[in-house]
Amino acid sequence: MFSELTHLTALRCVEAAARHHSYSKAALELNVTQAAISQQIRLLEQNFGCKLFFRKGKSMQPTAQGEKLAMALNNGFGTITHGIRSIQSEPIPGCITVTTTQSFASMLLMPNLWKFSVDHPNIIVRVIVSTDVEDIKHGHVDIAIRYGQSTYPELEQTTLFSDETVVLCSPKLAQEFDFSSIENIKKCWLVNYTKNDYWANWFAAAGLTHTDNHNQWLEVSNMDIALSAVMAGHGACLGSARQAKHFIDQGLLVAPFDIRAKPEIRYTCLHDPSSPRIQRILIFKNWLVSLIQNT
């Protein structure tokens, strides 16, 4: 019975290599050498009489047979993992690892995390700032707070907020350019951190003309740099008033115009529902949802 599982170690290598499209990353995950991964996969190929992977540039791509096998293995290993975790659920006290962007961490999470620690002193929260999309099912991260509209079918996904954009700037700049008149926004440096037409949409919502040849324009790679520039007085950017509430309350930022525009800024909380740390994960997630709702 289950004679096909004689080479179970090799099957794990196939699943990991297909998921990562890399023998070296699969080796890192399984704590073996790259040569061991290659040897195990060759063993299966000889046993099955078909090719499972081929090299494409620097990556290892599964063949049609390899893709089919990897998909079946991923589903099977997922079922096994869920069954094991269901009988190994960790107690509430312990540690969870949360990853998020720099802007969400600095503007929302870190200013309020002390409240969670007061209410739940037996749960230690480790925060990692990163823009990478971590492999929550197979890695060490328990919760990911992510920006954008992407969906993740294998994970539990909760929308924390979805806000239309508003103009954000320093109080000094708002006074200097006399933002009591909305037309004066045209005289100001505009900071942009996205490929979307945020500024064009906001100008349209404000009933103003916006041209692509606006010469007071600063292009940066992400929202974190944009906010740093804006708080230092270098122009205005578009962002979420809800996310910026802490800086607004501290007098570091203002939202001078009551005009909102699409596309929305959306943050999502992701976790693995089969995690052995699910009890403390849900406690943190529910606290975070409540925090956002009351912000």
Foldseek 3Di string as FASTA:
>chain_A
DPPVCPLVVLLQLLLLQQVVQALCRSCVLVVHHSVVNVVSQVVVCVVVVHHQWDDDPRGIHGDPVSVVSNVVSVVVVVVVLLVVLVVQQDDQQDEAEEEEAPLLCVQPNVVCVVVVCVVCVRYHYHYHHDQDDDPQVRDRHFKYKHKDDDDDVQKDKDWLDWFFKFKKAAPVLCVVQVCVPVVSLLVAQEEDADPDPNVCFQCVQVVHDDDPPSPRYHYDNHPVVVLVCRLVPRTIYIDGCLSNVVCVVVRSMDRSDPTGGDDIIIIMMIGRCSHSNNVNSVVVVVVSSVSSVVD
